[in-house]
Amino acid sequence: PVMLQGHMDMVCVSEDPSHDFQKQGLKLQICEDYLEAE
């Protein structure tokens, strides 16, 4: 077998202090060749 490995958690930083990372997901957006979060 071969093992594939990565981690689940992410660093949570938001421009909006009301964004609740424990309850809300991310709003993804596409900008040319890049995937971003709003």
PDB file of all heavy atoms in Angstrom:
ATOM      1  N   PRO A   1       0.821  -1.216   0.000  1.00  0.00           N
ATOM      2  CA  PRO A   1       0.000   0.000   0.000  1.00  0.00           C
ATOM      3  C   PRO A   1       0.855   1.266   0.000  1.00  0.00           C
ATOM      4  O   PRO A   1       2.028   1.251   0.367  1.00  0.00           O
ATOM      5  CB  PRO A   1      -0.808  -0.114   1.296  1.00  0.00           C
ATOM      6  CG  PRO A   1       0.038  -0.953   2.188  1.00  0.00           C
ATOM      7  CD  PRO A   1       0.768  -1.911   1.304  1.00  0.00           C
ATOM      8  N   VAL A   2       0.233   2.363  -0.407  1.00  0.00           N
ATOM      9  CA  VAL A   2       0.845   3.678  -0.307  1.00  0.00           C
ATOM     10  C   VAL A   2      -0.064   4.551   0.558  1.00  0.00           C
ATOM     11  O   VAL A   2      -1.292   4.434   0.501  1.00  0.00           O
ATOM     12  CB  VAL A   2       1.062   4.312  -1.698  1.00  0.00           C
ATOM     13  CG1 VAL A   2      -0.261   4.557  -2.406  1.00  0.00           C
ATOM     14  CG2 VAL A   2       1.836   5.616  -1.581  1.00  0.00           C
ATOM     15  N   MET A   3       0.536   5.375   1.366  1.00  0.00           N
ATOM     16  CA  MET A   3      -0.221   6.269   2.248  1.00  0.00           C
ATOM     17  C   MET A   3      -0.324   7.643   1.592  1.00  0.00           C
ATOM     18  O   MET A   3       0.670   8.198   1.138  1.00  0.00           O
ATOM     19  CB  MET A   3       0.467   6.392   3.611  1.00  0.00           C
ATOM     20  CG  MET A   3      -0.365   7.143   4.653  1.00  0.00           C
ATOM     21  SD  MET A   3       0.556   7.480   6.206  1.00  0.00           S
ATOM     22  CE  MET A   3       1.202   5.853   6.602  1.00  0.00           C
ATOM     23  N   LEU A   4      -1.537   8.181   1.559  1.00  0.00           N
ATOM     24  CA  LEU A   4      -1.776   9.575   1.189  1.00  0.00           C
ATOM     25  C   LEU A   4      -2.172  10.309   2.467  1.00  0.00           C
ATOM     26  O   LEU A   4      -2.969   9.788   3.251  1.00  0.00           O
ATOM     27  CB  LEU A   4      -2.896   9.685   0.154  1.00  0.00           C
ATOM     28  CG  LEU A   4      -2.743   8.879  -1.141  1.00  0.00           C
ATOM     29  CD1 LEU A   4      -3.947   9.114  -2.048  1.00  0.00           C
ATOM     30  CD2 LEU A   4      -1.454   9.246  -1.856  1.00  0.00           C
ATOM     31  N   GLN A   5      -1.640  11.508   2.675  1.00  0.00           N
ATOM     32  CA  GLN A   5      -1.894  12.166   3.955  1.00  0.00           C
ATOM     33  C   GLN A   5      -2.004  13.675   3.809  1.00  0.00           C
ATOM     34  O   GLN A   5      -1.284  14.313   3.036  1.00  0.00           O
ATOM     35  CB  GLN A   5      -0.760  11.828   4.942  1.00  0.00           C
ATOM     36  CG  GLN A   5      -0.990  12.294   6.373  1.00  0.00           C
ATOM     37  CD  GLN A   5      -0.376  13.657   6.647  1.00  0.00           C
ATOM     38  OE1 GLN A   5       0.683  13.967   6.114  1.00  0.00           O
ATOM     39  NE2 GLN A   5      -1.039  14.470   7.472  1.00  0.00           N
ATOM     40  N   GLY A   6      -2.949  14.240   4.545  1.00  0.00           N
ATOM     41  CA  GLY A   6      -3.118  15.681   4.646  1.00  0.00           C
ATOM     42  C   GLY A   6      -3.899  15.996   5.909  1.00  0.00           C
ATOM     43  O   GLY A   6      -4.413  15.094   6.576  1.00  0.00           O
ATOM     44  N   HIS A   7      -4.003  17.268   6.251  1.00  0.00           N
ATOM     45  CA  HIS A   7      -4.704  17.629   7.498  1.00  0.00           C
ATOM     46  C   HIS A   7      -6.029  18.322   7.224  1.00  0.00           C
ATOM     47  O   HIS A   7      -6.192  19.040   6.236  1.00  0.00           O
ATOM     48  CB  HIS A   7      -3.814  18.476   8.418  1.00  0.00           C
ATOM     49  CG  HIS A   7      -3.388  19.807   7.864  1.00  0.00           C
ATOM     50  ND1 HIS A   7      -4.155  20.942   7.989  1.00  0.00           N
ATOM     51  CD2 HIS A   7      -2.266  20.190   7.200  1.00  0.00           C
ATOM     52  CE1 HIS A   7      -3.521  21.970   7.443  1.00  0.00           C
ATOM     53  NE2 HIS A   7      -2.377  21.543   6.949  1.00  0.00           N
ATOM     54  N   MET A   8      -6.978  18.105   8.130  1.00  0.00           N
ATOM     55  CA  MET A   8      -8.341  18.617   7.971  1.00  0.00           C
ATOM     56  C   MET A   8      -8.472  20.098   8.296  1.00  0.00           C
ATOM     57  O   MET A   8      -9.261  20.811   7.672  1.00  0.00           O
ATOM     58  CB  MET A   8      -9.297  17.875   8.916  1.00  0.00           C
ATOM     59  CG  MET A   8      -9.326  16.382   8.797  1.00  0.00           C
ATOM     60  SD  MET A   8     -10.491  15.743  10.035  1.00  0.00           S
ATOM     61  CE  MET A   8      -9.837  14.088  10.246  1.00  0.00           C
ATOM     62  N   ASP A   9      -7.759  20.571   9.309  1.00  0.00           N
ATOM     63  CA  ASP A   9      -8.023  21.912   9.836  1.00  0.00           C
ATOM     64  C   ASP A   9      -7.418  22.996   8.955  1.00  0.00           C
ATOM     65  O   ASP A   9      -6.481  22.774   8.188  1.00  0.00           O
ATOM     66  CB  ASP A   9      -7.509  22.049  11.263  1.00  0.00           C
ATOM     67  CG  ASP A   9      -5.991  21.912  11.362  1.00  0.00           C
ATOM     68  OD1 ASP A   9      -5.439  20.993  10.718  1.00  0.00           O
ATOM     69  OD2 ASP A   9      -5.365  22.707  12.082  1.00  0.00           O
ATOM     70  N   MET A  10      -7.990  24.191   9.074  1.00  0.00           N
ATOM     71  CA  MET A  10      -7.516  25.356   8.341  1.00  0.00           C
ATOM     72  C   MET A  10      -7.360  26.534   9.295  1.00  0.00           C
ATOM     73  O   MET A  10      -7.965  26.580  10.376  1.00  0.00           O
ATOM     74  CB  MET A  10      -8.497  25.732   7.225  1.00  0.00           C
ATOM     75  CG  MET A  10      -9.873  26.143   7.707  1.00  0.00           C
ATOM     76  SD  MET A  10     -10.955  26.777   6.381  1.00  0.00           S
ATOM     77  CE  MET A  10     -10.298  28.441   6.159  1.00  0.00           C
ATOM     78  N   VAL A  11      -6.537  27.492   8.890  1.00  0.00           N
ATOM     79  CA  VAL A  11      -6.397  28.744   9.639  1.00  0.00           C
ATOM     80  C   VAL A  11      -7.556  29.655   9.259  1.00  0.00           C
ATOM     81  O   VAL A  11      -7.820  29.889   8.078  1.00  0.00           O
ATOM     82  CB  VAL A  11      -5.054  29.419   9.320  1.00  0.00           C
ATOM     83  CG1 VAL A  11      -4.987  30.802   9.946  1.00  0.00           C
ATOM     84  CG2 VAL A  11      -3.907  28.559   9.836  1.00  0.00           C
ATOM     85  N   CYS A  12      -8.255  30.168  10.253  1.00  0.00           N
ATOM     86  CA  CYS A  12      -9.472  30.950  10.019  1.00  0.00           C
ATOM     87  C   CYS A  12      -9.205  32.438  10.216  1.00  0.00           C
ATOM     88  O   CYS A  12      -9.008  32.904  11.344  1.00  0.00           O
ATOM     89  CB  CYS A  12     -10.575  30.500  10.974  1.00  0.00           C
ATOM     90  SG  CYS A  12     -11.084  28.785  10.727  1.00  0.00           S
ATOM     91  N   VAL A  13      -9.192  33.184   9.114  1.00  0.00           N
ATOM     92  CA  VAL A  13      -9.029  34.637   9.154  1.00  0.00           C
ATOM     93  C   VAL A  13     -10.112  35.244   8.269  1.00  0.00           C
ATOM     94  O   VAL A  13     -10.357  34.756   7.160  1.00  0.00           O
ATOM     95  CB  VAL A  13      -7.639  35.068   8.647  1.00  0.00           C
ATOM     96  CG1 VAL A  13      -7.501  36.592   8.711  1.00  0.00           C
ATOM     97  CG2 VAL A  13      -6.536  34.410   9.461  1.00  0.00           C
ATOM     98  N   SER A  14     -10.760  36.296   8.759  1.00  0.00           N
ATOM     99  CA  SER A  14     -11.848  36.910   8.005  1.00  0.00           C
ATOM    100  C   SER A  14     -11.776  38.431   8.098  1.00  0.00           C
ATOM    101  O   SER A  14     -11.380  38.991   9.124  1.00  0.00           O
ATOM    102  CB  SER A  14     -13.205  36.441   8.549  1.00  0.00           C
ATOM    103  OG  SER A  14     -14.266  37.107   7.895  1.00  0.00           O
ATOM    104  N   GLU A  15     -12.162  39.082   6.990  1.00  0.00           N
ATOM    105  CA  GLU A  15     -12.289  40.541   7.017  1.00  0.00           C
ATOM    106  C   GLU A  15     -13.520  40.962   7.806  1.00  0.00           C
ATOM    107  O   GLU A  15     -13.589  42.075   8.321  1.00  0.00           O
ATOM    108  CB  GLU A  15     -12.409  41.072   5.579  1.00  0.00           C
ATOM    109  CG  GLU A  15     -11.144  40.915   4.754  1.00  0.00           C
ATOM    110  CD  GLU A  15     -11.329  41.391   3.332  1.00  0.00           C
ATOM    111  OE1 GLU A  15     -12.496  41.382   2.853  1.00  0.00           O
ATOM    112  OE2 GLU A  15     -10.343  41.768   2.685  1.00  0.00           O
ATOM    113  N   ASP A  16     -14.491  40.077   7.897  1.00  0.00           N
ATOM    114  CA  ASP A  16     -15.755  40.351   8.586  1.00  0.00           C
ATOM    115  C   ASP A  16     -15.716  39.703   9.967  1.00  0.00           C
ATOM    116  O   ASP A  16     -15.763  38.480  10.085  1.00  0.00           O
ATOM    117  CB  ASP A  16     -16.925  39.796   7.776  1.00  0.00           C
ATOM    118  CG  ASP A  16     -18.271  40.051   8.440  1.00  0.00           C
ATOM    119  OD1 ASP A  16     -18.300  40.690   9.509  1.00  0.00           O
ATOM    120  OD2 ASP A  16     -19.287  39.594   7.884  1.00  0.00           O
ATOM    121  N   PRO A  17     -15.631  40.500  11.038  1.00  0.00           N
ATOM    122  CA  PRO A  17     -15.544  39.917  12.385  1.00  0.00           C
ATOM    123  C   PRO A  17     -16.781  39.115  12.779  1.00  0.00           C
ATOM    124  O   PRO A  17     -16.730  38.328  13.714  1.00  0.00           O
ATOM    125  CB  PRO A  17     -15.374  41.153  13.287  1.00  0.00           C
ATOM    126  CG  PRO A  17     -15.872  42.304  12.490  1.00  0.00           C
ATOM    127  CD  PRO A  17     -15.589  41.971  11.063  1.00  0.00           C
ATOM    128  N   SER A  18     -17.882  39.284  12.063  1.00  0.00           N
ATOM    129  CA  SER A  18     -19.109  38.542  12.400  1.00  0.00           C
ATOM    130  C   SER A  18     -19.128  37.153  11.768  1.00  0.00           C
ATOM    131  O   SER A  18     -20.022  36.352  12.077  1.00  0.00           O
ATOM    132  CB  SER A  18     -20.348  39.330  11.953  1.00  0.00           C
ATOM    133  OG  SER A  18     -20.403  39.406  10.535  1.00  0.00           O
ATOM    134  N   HIS A  19     -18.174  36.875  10.881  1.00  0.00           N
ATOM    135  CA  HIS A  19     -18.152  35.551  10.242  1.00  0.00           C
ATOM    136  C   HIS A  19     -17.813  34.497  11.294  1.00  0.00           C
ATOM    137  O   HIS A  19     -16.779  34.574  11.951  1.00  0.00           O
ATOM    138  CB  HIS A  19     -17.123  35.511   9.118  1.00  0.00           C
ATOM    139  CG  HIS A  19     -17.139  34.221   8.338  1.00  0.00           C
ATOM    140  ND1 HIS A  19     -17.913  34.040   7.214  1.00  0.00           N
ATOM    141  CD2 HIS A  19     -16.511  33.028   8.551  1.00  0.00           C
ATOM    142  CE1 HIS A  19     -17.744  32.822   6.747  1.00  0.00           C
ATOM    143  NE2 HIS A  19     -16.897  32.179   7.547  1.00  0.00           N
ATOM    144  N   ASP A  20     -18.681  33.522  11.456  1.00  0.00           N
ATOM    145  CA  ASP A  20     -18.519  32.482  12.472  1.00  0.00           C
ATOM    146  C   ASP A  20     -18.012  31.207  11.806  1.00  0.00           C
ATOM    147  O   ASP A  20     -18.781  30.449  11.212  1.00  0.00           O
ATOM    148  CB  ASP A  20     -19.856  32.213  13.171  1.00  0.00           C
ATOM    149  CG  ASP A  20     -19.708  31.293  14.377  1.00  0.00           C
ATOM    150  OD1 ASP A  20     -18.648  30.658  14.516  1.00  0.00           O
ATOM    151  OD2 ASP A  20     -20.665  31.218  15.176  1.00  0.00           O
ATOM    152  N   PHE A  21     -16.705  30.964  11.920  1.00  0.00           N
ATOM    153  CA  PHE A  21     -16.100  29.809  11.265  1.00  0.00           C
ATOM    154  C   PHE A  21     -16.558  28.484  11.871  1.00  0.00           C
ATOM    155  O   PHE A  21     -16.393  27.440  11.252  1.00  0.00           O
ATOM    156  CB  PHE A  21     -14.576  29.895  11.345  1.00  0.00           C
ATOM    157  CG  PHE A  21     -13.964  30.829  10.333  1.00  0.00           C
ATOM    158  CD1 PHE A  21     -13.601  32.120  10.687  1.00  0.00           C
ATOM    159  CD2 PHE A  21     -13.747  30.412   9.028  1.00  0.00           C
ATOM    160  CE1 PHE A  21     -13.028  32.977   9.756  1.00  0.00           C
ATOM    161  CE2 PHE A  21     -13.191  31.262   8.086  1.00  0.00           C
ATOM    162  CZ  PHE A  21     -12.825  32.549   8.454  1.00  0.00           C
ATOM    163  N   GLN A  22     -17.131  28.519  13.075  1.00  0.00           N
ATOM    164  CA  GLN A  22     -17.624  27.282  13.673  1.00  0.00           C
ATOM    165  C   GLN A  22     -18.988  26.867  13.116  1.00  0.00           C
ATOM    166  O   GLN A  22     -19.378  25.705  13.250  1.00  0.00           O
ATOM    167  CB  GLN A  22     -17.718  27.437  15.185  1.00  0.00           C
ATOM    168  CG  GLN A  22     -16.375  27.590  15.869  1.00  0.00           C
ATOM    169  CD  GLN A  22     -16.499  27.581  17.376  1.00  0.00           C
ATOM    170  OE1 GLN A  22     -17.256  26.789  17.949  1.00  0.00           O
ATOM    171  NE2 GLN A  22     -15.776  28.459  18.043  1.00  0.00           N
ATOM    172  N   LYS A  23     -19.671  27.811  12.479  1.00  0.00           N
ATOM    173  CA  LYS A  23     -21.003  27.512  11.960  1.00  0.00           C
ATOM    174  C   LYS A  23     -21.125  27.735  10.463  1.00  0.00           C
ATOM    175  O   LYS A  23     -21.984  27.134   9.818  1.00  0.00           O
ATOM    176  CB  LYS A  23     -22.043  28.378  12.681  1.00  0.00           C
ATOM    177  CG  LYS A  23     -22.145  28.114  14.178  1.00  0.00           C
ATOM    178  CD  LYS A  23     -23.173  29.027  14.820  1.00  0.00           C
ATOM    179  CE  LYS A  23     -23.279  28.766  16.305  1.00  0.00           C
ATOM    180  NZ  LYS A  23     -24.253  29.686  16.957  1.00  0.00           N
ATOM    181  N   GLN A  24     -20.293  28.600   9.914  1.00  0.00           N
ATOM    182  CA  GLN A  24     -20.434  28.979   8.510  1.00  0.00           C
ATOM    183  C   GLN A  24     -19.318  28.376   7.655  1.00  0.00           C
ATOM    184  O   GLN A  24     -18.167  28.272   8.087  1.00  0.00           O
ATOM    185  CB  GLN A  24     -20.383  30.515   8.370  1.00  0.00           C
ATOM    186  CG  GLN A  24     -21.528  31.238   9.054  1.00  0.00           C
ATOM    187  CD  GLN A  24     -21.344  32.737   8.998  1.00  0.00           C
ATOM    188  OE1 GLN A  24     -20.907  33.366   9.944  1.00  0.00           O
ATOM    189  NE2 GLN A  24     -21.674  33.330   7.835  1.00  0.00           N
ATOM    190  N   GLY A  25     -19.687  28.016   6.429  1.00  0.00           N
ATOM    191  CA  GLY A  25     -18.707  27.584   5.461  1.00  0.00           C
ATOM    192  C   GLY A  25     -18.094  28.775   4.740  1.00  0.00           C
ATOM    193  O   GLY A  25     -18.270  29.931   5.142  1.00  0.00           O
ATOM    194  N   LEU A  26     -17.394  28.503   3.650  1.00  0.00           N
ATOM    195  CA  LEU A  26     -16.713  29.547   2.892  1.00  0.00           C
ATOM    196  C   LEU A  26     -17.495  29.870   1.620  1.00  0.00           C
ATOM    197  O   LEU A  26     -18.174  29.013   1.060  1.00  0.00           O
ATOM    198  CB  LEU A  26     -15.304  29.079   2.516  1.00  0.00           C
ATOM    199  CG  LEU A  26     -14.435  28.525   3.651  1.00  0.00           C
ATOM    200  CD1 LEU A  26     -13.090  28.069   3.093  1.00  0.00           C
ATOM    201  CD2 LEU A  26     -14.237  29.561   4.751  1.00  0.00           C
ATOM    202  N   LYS A  27     -17.373  31.104   1.162  1.00  0.00           N
ATOM    203  CA  LYS A  27     -17.970  31.526  -0.098  1.00  0.00           C
ATOM    204  C   LYS A  27     -16.859  31.560  -1.147  1.00  0.00           C
ATOM    205  O   LYS A  27     -16.033  32.469  -1.151  1.00  0.00           O
ATOM    206  CB  LYS A  27     -18.628  32.899   0.050  1.00  0.00           C
ATOM    207  CG  LYS A  27     -19.798  32.923   1.015  1.00  0.00           C
ATOM    208  CD  LYS A  27     -20.412  34.319   1.108  1.00  0.00           C
ATOM    209  CE  LYS A  27     -21.572  34.353   2.082  1.00  0.00           C
ATOM    210  NZ  LYS A  27     -22.145  35.727   2.195  1.00  0.00           N
ATOM    211  N   LEU A  28     -16.855  30.558  -2.008  1.00  0.00           N
ATOM    212  CA  LEU A  28     -15.795  30.441  -3.004  1.00  0.00           C
ATOM    213  C   LEU A  28     -16.077  31.336  -4.203  1.00  0.00           C
ATOM    214  O   LEU A  28     -17.232  31.612  -4.536  1.00  0.00           O
ATOM    215  CB  LEU A  28     -15.653  28.990  -3.460  1.00  0.00           C
ATOM    216  CG  LEU A  28     -15.350  27.963  -2.358  1.00  0.00           C
ATOM    217  CD1 LEU A  28     -15.207  26.570  -2.968  1.00  0.00           C
ATOM    218  CD2 LEU A  28     -14.095  28.341  -1.580  1.00  0.00           C
ATOM    219  N   GLN A  29     -15.005  31.793  -4.837  1.00  0.00           N
ATOM    220  CA  GLN A  29     -15.145  32.586  -6.055  1.00  0.00           C
ATOM    221  C   GLN A  29     -13.951  32.308  -6.965  1.00  0.00           C
ATOM    222  O   GLN A  29     -12.864  31.973  -6.506  1.00  0.00           O
ATOM    223  CB  GLN A  29     -15.250  34.082  -5.739  1.00  0.00           C
ATOM    224  CG  GLN A  29     -14.077  34.640  -4.952  1.00  0.00           C
ATOM    225  CD  GLN A  29     -14.320  36.068  -4.500  1.00  0.00           C
ATOM    226  OE1 GLN A  29     -15.449  36.535  -4.438  1.00  0.00           O
ATOM    227  NE2 GLN A  29     -13.241  36.775  -4.184  1.00  0.00           N
ATOM    228  N   ILE A  30     -14.199  32.443  -8.266  1.00  0.00           N
ATOM    229  CA  ILE A  30     -13.171  32.197  -9.264  1.00  0.00           C
ATOM    230  C   ILE A  30     -12.723  33.534  -9.836  1.00  0.00           C
ATOM    231  O   ILE A  30     -13.547  34.356 -10.247  1.00  0.00           O
ATOM    232  CB  ILE A  30     -13.706  31.299 -10.399  1.00  0.00           C
ATOM    233  CG1 ILE A  30     -14.172  29.950  -9.841  1.00  0.00           C
ATOM    234  CG2 ILE A  30     -12.644  31.103 -11.478  1.00  0.00           C
ATOM    235  CD1 ILE A  30     -14.964  29.124 -10.845  1.00  0.00           C
ATOM    236  N   CYS A  31     -11.409  33.744  -9.850  1.00  0.00           N
ATOM    237  CA  CYS A  31     -10.832  34.960 -10.427  1.00  0.00           C
ATOM    238  C   CYS A  31      -9.729  34.544 -11.389  1.00  0.00           C
ATOM    239  O   CYS A  31      -8.617  34.212 -10.966  1.00  0.00           O
ATOM    240  CB  CYS A  31     -10.291  35.867  -9.318  1.00  0.00           C
ATOM    241  SG  CYS A  31      -9.638  37.441  -9.923  1.00  0.00           S
ATOM    242  N   GLU A  32     -10.089  34.500 -12.668  1.00  0.00           N
ATOM    243  CA  GLU A  32      -9.171  34.039 -13.709  1.00  0.00           C
ATOM    244  C   GLU A  32      -8.683  32.627 -13.376  1.00  0.00           C
ATOM    245  O   GLU A  32      -9.493  31.718 -13.266  1.00  0.00           O
ATOM    246  CB  GLU A  32      -8.022  35.039 -13.887  1.00  0.00           C
ATOM    247  CG  GLU A  32      -8.508  36.406 -14.361  1.00  0.00           C
ATOM    248  CD  GLU A  32      -7.398  37.407 -14.544  1.00  0.00           C
ATOM    249  OE1 GLU A  32      -6.270  37.166 -14.077  1.00  0.00           O
ATOM    250  OE2 GLU A  32      -7.664  38.460 -15.174  1.00  0.00           O
ATOM    251  N   ASP A  33      -7.383  32.437 -13.168  1.00  0.00           N
ATOM    252  CA  ASP A  33      -6.866  31.083 -12.905  1.00  0.00           C
ATOM    253  C   ASP A  33      -6.854  30.746 -11.419  1.00  0.00           C
ATOM    254  O   ASP A  33      -6.301  29.721 -11.028  1.00  0.00           O
ATOM    255  CB  ASP A  33      -5.453  30.944 -13.485  1.00  0.00           C
ATOM    256  CG  ASP A  33      -4.903  29.529 -13.343  1.00  0.00           C
ATOM    257  OD1 ASP A  33      -5.641  28.565 -13.667  1.00  0.00           O
ATOM    258  OD2 ASP A  33      -3.758  29.368 -12.872  1.00  0.00           O
ATOM    259  N   TYR A  34      -7.451  31.570 -10.592  1.00  0.00           N
ATOM    260  CA  TYR A  34      -7.343  31.350  -9.152  1.00  0.00           C
ATOM    261  C   TYR A  34      -8.707  31.105  -8.500  1.00  0.00           C
ATOM    262  O   TYR A  34      -9.713  31.712  -8.866  1.00  0.00           O
ATOM    263  CB  TYR A  34      -6.663  32.542  -8.476  1.00  0.00           C
ATOM    264  CG  TYR A  34      -5.200  32.637  -8.820  1.00  0.00           C
ATOM    265  CD1 TYR A  34      -4.763  33.499  -9.815  1.00  0.00           C
ATOM    266  CD2 TYR A  34      -4.264  31.839  -8.167  1.00  0.00           C
ATOM    267  CE1 TYR A  34      -3.419  33.576 -10.153  1.00  0.00           C
ATOM    268  CE2 TYR A  34      -2.921  31.913  -8.489  1.00  0.00           C
ATOM    269  CZ  TYR A  34      -2.504  32.776  -9.483  1.00  0.00           C
ATOM    270  OH  TYR A  34      -1.167  32.844  -9.815  1.00  0.00           O
ATOM    271  N   LEU A  35      -8.677  30.215  -7.537  1.00  0.00           N
ATOM    272  CA  LEU A  35      -9.826  29.964  -6.682  1.00  0.00           C
ATOM    273  C   LEU A  35      -9.578  30.684  -5.368  1.00  0.00           C
ATOM    274  O   LEU A  35      -8.516  30.528  -4.752  1.00  0.00           O
ATOM    275  CB  LEU A  35      -9.992  28.464  -6.458  1.00  0.00           C
ATOM    276  CG  LEU A  35     -11.192  28.022  -5.604  1.00  0.00           C
ATOM    277  CD1 LEU A  35     -12.499  28.445  -6.268  1.00  0.00           C
ATOM    278  CD2 LEU A  35     -11.153  26.513  -5.399  1.00  0.00           C
ATOM    279  N   GLU A  36     -10.553  31.480  -4.935  1.00  0.00           N
ATOM    280  CA  GLU A  36     -10.427  32.280  -3.723  1.00  0.00           C
ATOM    281  C   GLU A  36     -11.661  32.078  -2.850  1.00  0.00           C
ATOM    282  O   GLU A  36     -12.628  31.443  -3.261  1.00  0.00           O
ATOM    283  CB  GLU A  36     -10.294  33.774  -4.078  1.00  0.00           C
ATOM    284  CG  GLU A  36      -9.180  34.100  -5.048  1.00  0.00           C
ATOM    285  CD  GLU A  36      -9.235  35.537  -5.533  1.00  0.00           C
ATOM    286  OE1 GLU A  36     -10.302  36.182  -5.344  1.00  0.00           O
ATOM    287  OE2 GLU A  36      -8.244  36.019  -6.103  1.00  0.00           O
ATOM    288  N   ALA A  37     -11.607  32.647  -1.657  1.00  0.00           N
ATOM    289  CA  ALA A  37     -12.782  32.700  -0.789  1.00  0.00           C
ATOM    290  C   ALA A  37     -13.113  34.164  -0.524  1.00  0.00           C
ATOM    291  O   ALA A  37     -12.213  34.983  -0.325  1.00  0.00           O
ATOM    292  CB  ALA A  37     -12.526  31.960   0.517  1.00  0.00           C
ATOM    293  N   GLU A  38     -14.364  34.475  -0.531  1.00  0.00           N
ATOM    294  CA  GLU A  38     -14.794  35.866  -0.379  1.00  0.00           C
ATOM    295  C   GLU A  38     -14.597  36.342   1.053  1.00  0.00           C
ATOM    296  O   GLU A  38     -15.324  35.952   1.968  1.00  0.00           O
ATOM    297  CB  GLU A  38     -16.269  35.989  -0.782  1.00  0.00           C
ATOM    298  CG  GLU A  38     -16.793  37.417  -0.769  1.00  0.00           C
ATOM    299  CD  GLU A  38     -18.246  37.487  -1.179  1.00  0.00           C
ATOM    300  OE1 GLU A  38     -18.684  36.612  -1.965  1.00  0.00           O
ATOM    301  OE2 GLU A  38     -18.949  38.412  -0.700  1.00  0.00           O
TER     302      GLU A  38
END
